[in-house]
PDB file of N, CA and C in Angstrom:
ATOM      1  N   MET A   1      49.923 -76.898 -71.204  1.00  0.00           N
ATOM      2  CA  MET A   1      51.138 -76.703 -70.029  1.00  0.00           C
ATOM      3  C   MET A   1      50.313 -76.677 -68.636  1.00  0.00           C
ATOM      4  N   ARG A   2      49.346 -76.055 -68.793  1.00  0.00           N
ATOM      5  CA  ARG A   2      48.675 -75.858 -67.450  1.00  0.00           C
ATOM      6  C   ARG A   2      48.370 -77.469 -66.639  1.00  0.00           C
ATOM      7  N   GLN A   3      47.662 -78.025 -67.463  1.00  0.00           N
ATOM      8  CA  GLN A   3      47.233 -79.743 -67.387  1.00  0.00           C
ATOM      9  C   GLN A   3      48.206 -80.387 -66.918  1.00  0.00           C
ATOM     10  N   CYS A   4      49.521 -80.346 -67.949  1.00  0.00           N
ATOM     11  CA  CYS A   4      50.386 -81.137 -67.714  1.00  0.00           C
ATOM     12  C   CYS A   4      51.221 -81.140 -66.104  1.00  0.00           C
ATOM     13  N   LEU A   5      51.234 -79.745 -65.811  1.00  0.00           N
ATOM     14  CA  LEU A   5      51.680 -79.494 -64.430  1.00  0.00           C
ATOM     15  C   LEU A   5      50.966 -79.861 -63.321  1.00  0.00           C
ATOM     16  N   ILE A   6      49.583 -79.834 -63.498  1.00  0.00           N
ATOM     17  CA  ILE A   6      48.813 -80.174 -62.535  1.00  0.00           C
ATOM     18  C   ILE A   6      48.780 -81.945 -62.421  1.00  0.00           C
ATOM     19  N   ASP A   7      48.818 -82.243 -63.638  1.00  0.00           N
ATOM     20  CA  ASP A   7      49.146 -83.903 -63.548  1.00  0.00           C
ATOM     21  C   ASP A   7      50.349 -84.295 -62.833  1.00  0.00           C
ATOM     22  N   LEU A   8      51.377 -83.276 -62.965  1.00  0.00           N
ATOM     23  CA  LEU A   8      52.272 -83.985 -62.048  1.00  0.00           C
ATOM     24  C   LEU A   8      52.485 -83.177 -60.585  1.00  0.00           C
ATOM     25  N   GLY A   9      51.448 -83.058 -60.120  1.00  0.00           N
ATOM     26  CA  GLY A   9      50.986 -82.637 -58.638  1.00  0.00           C
ATOM     27  C   GLY A   9      51.074 -81.273 -58.289  1.00  0.00           C
ATOM     28  N   HIS A  10      51.326 -80.483 -59.302  1.00  0.00           N
ATOM     29  CA  HIS A  10      51.406 -78.947 -58.973  1.00  0.00           C
ATOM     30  C   HIS A  10      50.228 -78.091 -58.839  1.00  0.00           C
ATOM     31  N   GLU A  11      50.092 -77.329 -57.943  1.00  0.00           N
ATOM     32  CA  GLU A  11      48.907 -76.461 -57.922  1.00  0.00           C
ATOM     33  C   GLU A  11      48.623 -75.421 -58.796  1.00  0.00           C
ATOM     34  N   ILE A  12      48.031 -75.275 -59.907  1.00  0.00           N
ATOM     35  CA  ILE A  12      48.167 -74.158 -60.846  1.00  0.00           C
ATOM     36  C   ILE A  12      47.076 -73.527 -60.717  1.00  0.00           C
ATOM     37  N   SER A  13      47.090 -72.191 -60.704  1.00  0.00           N
ATOM     38  CA  SER A  13      45.820 -71.371 -60.547  1.00  0.00           C
ATOM     39  C   SER A  13      45.049 -71.401 -62.139  1.00  0.00           C
ATOM     40  N   GLU A  14      43.915 -70.868 -62.031  1.00  0.00           N
ATOM     41  CA  GLU A  14      43.072 -70.904 -63.634  1.00  0.00           C
ATOM     42  C   GLU A  14      43.715 -69.547 -64.224  1.00  0.00           C
ATOM     43  N   PRO A  15      43.773 -69.455 -65.512  1.00  0.00           N
ATOM     44  CA  PRO A  15      44.192 -68.450 -66.180  1.00  0.00           C
ATOM     45  C   PRO A  15      43.601 -67.378 -65.962  1.00  0.00           C
ATOM     46  N   THR A  16      43.858 -66.021 -66.194  1.00  0.00           N
ATOM     47  CA  THR A  16      43.147 -65.012 -66.041  1.00  0.00           C
ATOM     48  C   THR A  16      42.391 -64.616 -67.038  1.00  0.00           C
ATOM     49  N   SER A  17      41.374 -63.646 -67.019  1.00  0.00           N
ATOM     50  CA  SER A  17      40.202 -63.506 -67.949  1.00  0.00           C
ATOM     51  C   SER A  17      41.354 -62.366 -69.150  1.00  0.00           C
ATOM     52  N   GLU A  18      41.295 -62.332 -70.221  1.00  0.00           N
ATOM     53  CA  GLU A  18      41.831 -61.772 -71.177  1.00  0.00           C
ATOM     54  C   GLU A  18      42.099 -60.157 -71.006  1.00  0.00           C
ATOM     55  N   GLN A  19      41.225 -59.610 -70.234  1.00  0.00           N
ATOM     56  CA  GLN A  19      41.283 -58.368 -69.964  1.00  0.00           C
ATOM     57  C   GLN A  19      42.162 -58.076 -68.660  1.00  0.00           C
ATOM     58  N   VAL A  20      42.175 -58.831 -68.003  1.00  0.00           N
ATOM     59  CA  VAL A  20      43.420 -58.813 -66.753  1.00  0.00           C
ATOM     60  C   VAL A  20      44.222 -59.082 -67.220  1.00  0.00           C
ATOM     61  N   PHE A  21      44.623 -60.177 -68.199  1.00  0.00           N
ATOM     62  CA  PHE A  21      46.004 -60.279 -68.701  1.00  0.00           C
ATOM     63  C   PHE A  21      46.527 -59.024 -69.463  1.00  0.00           C
ATOM     64  N   LEU A  22      45.831 -58.413 -70.348  1.00  0.00           N
ATOM     65  CA  LEU A  22      46.111 -57.165 -70.776  1.00  0.00           C
ATOM     66  C   LEU A  22      46.663 -56.294 -69.869  1.00  0.00           C
ATOM     67  N   ASP A  23      45.738 -55.743 -68.998  1.00  0.00           N
ATOM     68  CA  ASP A  23      46.126 -54.719 -67.857  1.00  0.00           C
ATOM     69  C   ASP A  23      47.559 -54.988 -67.158  1.00  0.00           C
ATOM     70  N   GLU A  24      47.708 -56.496 -66.911  1.00  0.00           N
ATOM     71  CA  GLU A  24      48.805 -56.614 -65.860  1.00  0.00           C
ATOM     72  C   GLU A  24      49.983 -56.926 -66.605  1.00  0.00           C
ATOM     73  N   TYR A  25      49.812 -57.396 -68.021  1.00  0.00           N
ATOM     74  CA  TYR A  25      50.934 -57.888 -69.072  1.00  0.00           C
ATOM     75  C   TYR A  25      52.379 -56.595 -68.877  1.00  0.00           C
ATOM     76  N   PRO A  26      52.115 -55.389 -68.648  1.00  0.00           N
ATOM     77  CA  PRO A  26      53.325 -54.532 -68.589  1.00  0.00           C
ATOM     78  C   PRO A  26      53.877 -54.954 -67.478  1.00  0.00           C
ATOM     79  N   ARG A  27      53.336 -55.125 -66.529  1.00  0.00           N
ATOM     80  CA  ARG A  27      54.050 -55.321 -64.886  1.00  0.00           C
ATOM     81  C   ARG A  27      54.305 -56.803 -64.702  1.00  0.00           C
ATOM     82  N   THR A  28      53.724 -57.800 -65.230  1.00  0.00           N
ATOM     83  CA  THR A  28      53.989 -59.079 -64.617  1.00  0.00           C
ATOM     84  C   THR A  28      54.386 -59.728 -65.985  1.00  0.00           C
ATOM     85  N   GLY A  29      54.126 -59.673 -67.121  1.00  0.00           N
ATOM     86  CA  GLY A  29      54.352 -60.455 -68.330  1.00  0.00           C
ATOM     87  C   GLY A  29      53.606 -61.363 -68.617  1.00  0.00           C
ATOM     88  N   GLY A  30      52.284 -61.225 -67.773  1.00  0.00           N
ATOM     89  CA  GLY A  30      51.113 -62.159 -68.029  1.00  0.00           C
ATOM     90  C   GLY A  30      51.053 -63.380 -67.339  1.00  0.00           C
ATOM     91  N   TYR A  31      49.911 -64.335 -67.350  1.00  0.00           N
ATOM     92  CA  TYR A  31      50.049 -65.591 -66.824  1.00  0.00           C
ATOM     93  C   TYR A  31      51.015 -66.577 -67.562  1.00  0.00           C
ATOM     94  N   ASN A  32      51.554 -67.105 -66.935  1.00  0.00           N
ATOM     95  CA  ASN A  32      52.577 -68.382 -67.330  1.00  0.00           C
ATOM     96  C   ASN A  32      52.556 -69.216 -66.066  1.00  0.00           C
ATOM     97  N   PRO A  33      51.857 -70.616 -66.382  1.00  0.00           N
ATOM     98  CA  PRO A  33      51.599 -71.695 -65.083  1.00  0.00           C
ATOM     99  C   PRO A  33      52.838 -72.061 -64.546  1.00  0.00           C
ATOM    100  N   ILE A  34      54.198 -72.002 -65.500  1.00  0.00           N
ATOM    101  CA  ILE A  34      55.434 -72.570 -65.000  1.00  0.00           C
ATOM    102  C   ILE A  34      55.912 -71.951 -63.825  1.00  0.00           C
ATOM    103  N   ASN A  35      55.798 -70.460 -63.834  1.00  0.00           N
ATOM    104  CA  ASN A  35      56.052 -69.474 -62.741  1.00  0.00           C
ATOM    105  C   ASN A  35      55.371 -69.810 -61.521  1.00  0.00           C
ATOM    106  N   GLU A  36      54.470 -70.694 -61.495  1.00  0.00           N
ATOM    107  CA  GLU A  36      53.975 -71.018 -60.327  1.00  0.00           C
ATOM    108  C   GLU A  36      54.491 -72.486 -59.470  1.00  0.00           C
ATOM    109  N   VAL A  37      55.450 -72.994 -60.469  1.00  0.00           N
ATOM    110  CA  VAL A  37      56.306 -74.401 -59.840  1.00  0.00           C
ATOM    111  C   VAL A  37      57.151 -73.947 -58.946  1.00  0.00           C
ATOM    112  N   ASP A  38      57.501 -74.587 -57.969  1.00  0.00           N
ATOM    113  CA  ASP A  38      58.456 -74.276 -56.919  1.00  0.00           C
ATOM    114  C   ASP A  38      59.759 -74.515 -57.644  1.00  0.00           C
ATOM    115  N   MET A  39      60.821 -73.866 -57.304  1.00  0.00           N
ATOM    116  CA  MET A  39      61.985 -73.910 -57.935  1.00  0.00           C
ATOM    117  C   MET A  39      62.537 -75.381 -57.755  1.00  0.00           C
ATOM    118  N   SER A  40      62.526 -76.023 -56.661  1.00  0.00           N
ATOM    119  CA  SER A  40      63.208 -77.214 -56.437  1.00  0.00           C
ATOM    120  C   SER A  40      62.381 -78.243 -57.323  1.00  0.00           C
ATOM    121  N   SER A  41      61.423 -78.065 -57.979  1.00  0.00           N
ATOM    122  CA  SER A  41      60.678 -78.749 -58.985  1.00  0.00           C
ATOM    123  C   SER A  41      60.783 -78.387 -60.364  1.00  0.00           C
ATOM    124  N   PHE A  42      61.379 -77.274 -60.717  1.00  0.00           N
ATOM    125  CA  PHE A  42      61.398 -76.537 -61.975  1.00  0.00           C
ATOM    126  C   PHE A  42      61.835 -77.266 -62.946  1.00  0.00           C
ATOM    127  N   ALA A  43      63.102 -77.636 -62.714  1.00  0.00           N
ATOM    128  CA  ALA A  43      63.671 -78.503 -63.790  1.00  0.00           C
ATOM    129  C   ALA A  43      62.951 -79.560 -64.517  1.00  0.00           C
ATOM    130  N   GLY A  44      62.605 -80.576 -63.401  1.00  0.00           N
ATOM    131  CA  GLY A  44      61.794 -81.731 -63.681  1.00  0.00           C
ATOM    132  C   GLY A  44      60.406 -81.332 -64.625  1.00  0.00           C
ATOM    133  N   ALA A  45      59.667 -80.169 -63.927  1.00  0.00           N
ATOM    134  CA  ALA A  45      58.486 -79.895 -64.555  1.00  0.00           C
ATOM    135  C   ALA A  45      58.716 -79.091 -66.046  1.00  0.00           C
ATOM    136  N   ASP A  46      59.985 -78.369 -66.198  1.00  0.00           N
ATOM    137  CA  ASP A  46      60.178 -77.857 -67.618  1.00  0.00           C
ATOM    138  C   ASP A  46      60.407 -78.787 -68.336  1.00  0.00           C
ATOM    139  N   GLU A  47      61.402 -80.038 -67.999  1.00  0.00           N
ATOM    140  CA  GLU A  47      61.577 -80.989 -68.871  1.00  0.00           C
ATOM    141  C   GLU A  47      60.531 -81.907 -69.236  1.00  0.00           C
ATOM    142  N   THR A  48      59.279 -82.123 -68.306  1.00  0.00           N
ATOM    143  CA  THR A  48      58.082 -83.014 -68.639  1.00  0.00           C
ATOM    144  C   THR A  48      57.056 -82.150 -69.476  1.00  0.00           C
ATOM    145  N   CYS A  49      57.094 -80.906 -69.018  1.00  0.00           N
ATOM    146  CA  CYS A  49      56.149 -80.077 -69.680  1.00  0.00           C
ATOM    147  C   CYS A  49      56.685 -78.584 -70.403  1.00  0.00           C
ATOM    148  N   PRO A  50      57.403 -78.761 -71.513  1.00  0.00           N
ATOM    149  CA  PRO A  50      57.968 -78.039 -71.884  1.00  0.00           C
ATOM    150  C   PRO A  50      57.046 -76.472 -72.424  1.00  0.00           C
ATOM    151  N   GLN A  51      57.746 -75.666 -72.280  1.00  0.00           N
ATOM    152  CA  GLN A  51      57.087 -74.348 -72.494  1.00  0.00           C
ATOM    153  C   GLN A  51      56.653 -73.884 -74.048  1.00  0.00           C
ATOM    154  N   LEU A  52      57.727 -74.644 -74.641  1.00  0.00           N
ATOM    155  CA  LEU A  52      57.910 -74.328 -76.368  1.00  0.00           C
ATOM    156  C   LEU A  52      57.524 -76.065 -76.864  1.00  0.00           C
ATOM    157  N   PRO A  53      56.944 -76.088 -77.946  1.00  0.00           N
ATOM    158  CA  PRO A  53      56.920 -77.358 -78.606  1.00  0.00           C
ATOM    159  C   PRO A  53      58.317 -77.804 -78.869  1.00  0.00           C
ATOM    160  N   LYS A  54      58.680 -78.991 -78.946  1.00  0.00           N
ATOM    161  CA  LYS A  54      59.940 -79.474 -79.230  1.00  0.00           C
ATOM    162  C   LYS A  54      60.083 -79.414 -80.790  1.00  0.00           C
ATOM    163  N   GLY A  55      61.689 -78.801 -81.009  1.00  0.00           N
ATOM    164  CA  GLY A  55      62.077 -78.656 -82.448  1.00  0.00           C
ATOM    165  C   GLY A  55      61.265 -77.241 -82.890  1.00  0.00           C
ATOM    166  N   LEU A  56      60.805 -76.475 -82.116  1.00  0.00           N
ATOM    167  CA  LEU A  56      60.362 -75.279 -82.611  1.00  0.00           C
ATOM    168  C   LEU A  56      61.670 -73.985 -83.065  1.00  0.00           C
ATOM    169  N   TRP A  57      62.720 -74.340 -82.645  1.00  0.00           N
ATOM    170  CA  TRP A  57      63.798 -73.497 -83.118  1.00  0.00           C
ATOM    171  C   TRP A  57      64.813 -74.212 -84.001  1.00  0.00           C
ATOM    172  N   GLY A  58      64.323 -75.313 -84.197  1.00  0.00           N
ATOM    173  CA  GLY A  58      65.314 -76.423 -85.246  1.00  0.00           C
ATOM    174  C   GLY A  58      65.733 -77.641 -84.664  1.00  0.00           C
TER     175      GLY A  58
END
């Protein structure tokens, strides 16, 4: 997903280390690159770079 968002022109940070992810998860919910997309572009980015595989829920 990160690379897909970068390919759309969004600046997305590098994923955190596993330890930082674990330490920050209770407070931040962890690293999620879609959270770095501006709200004005969110719908298009989510459509092009879905967070979950298509058909996951049926």
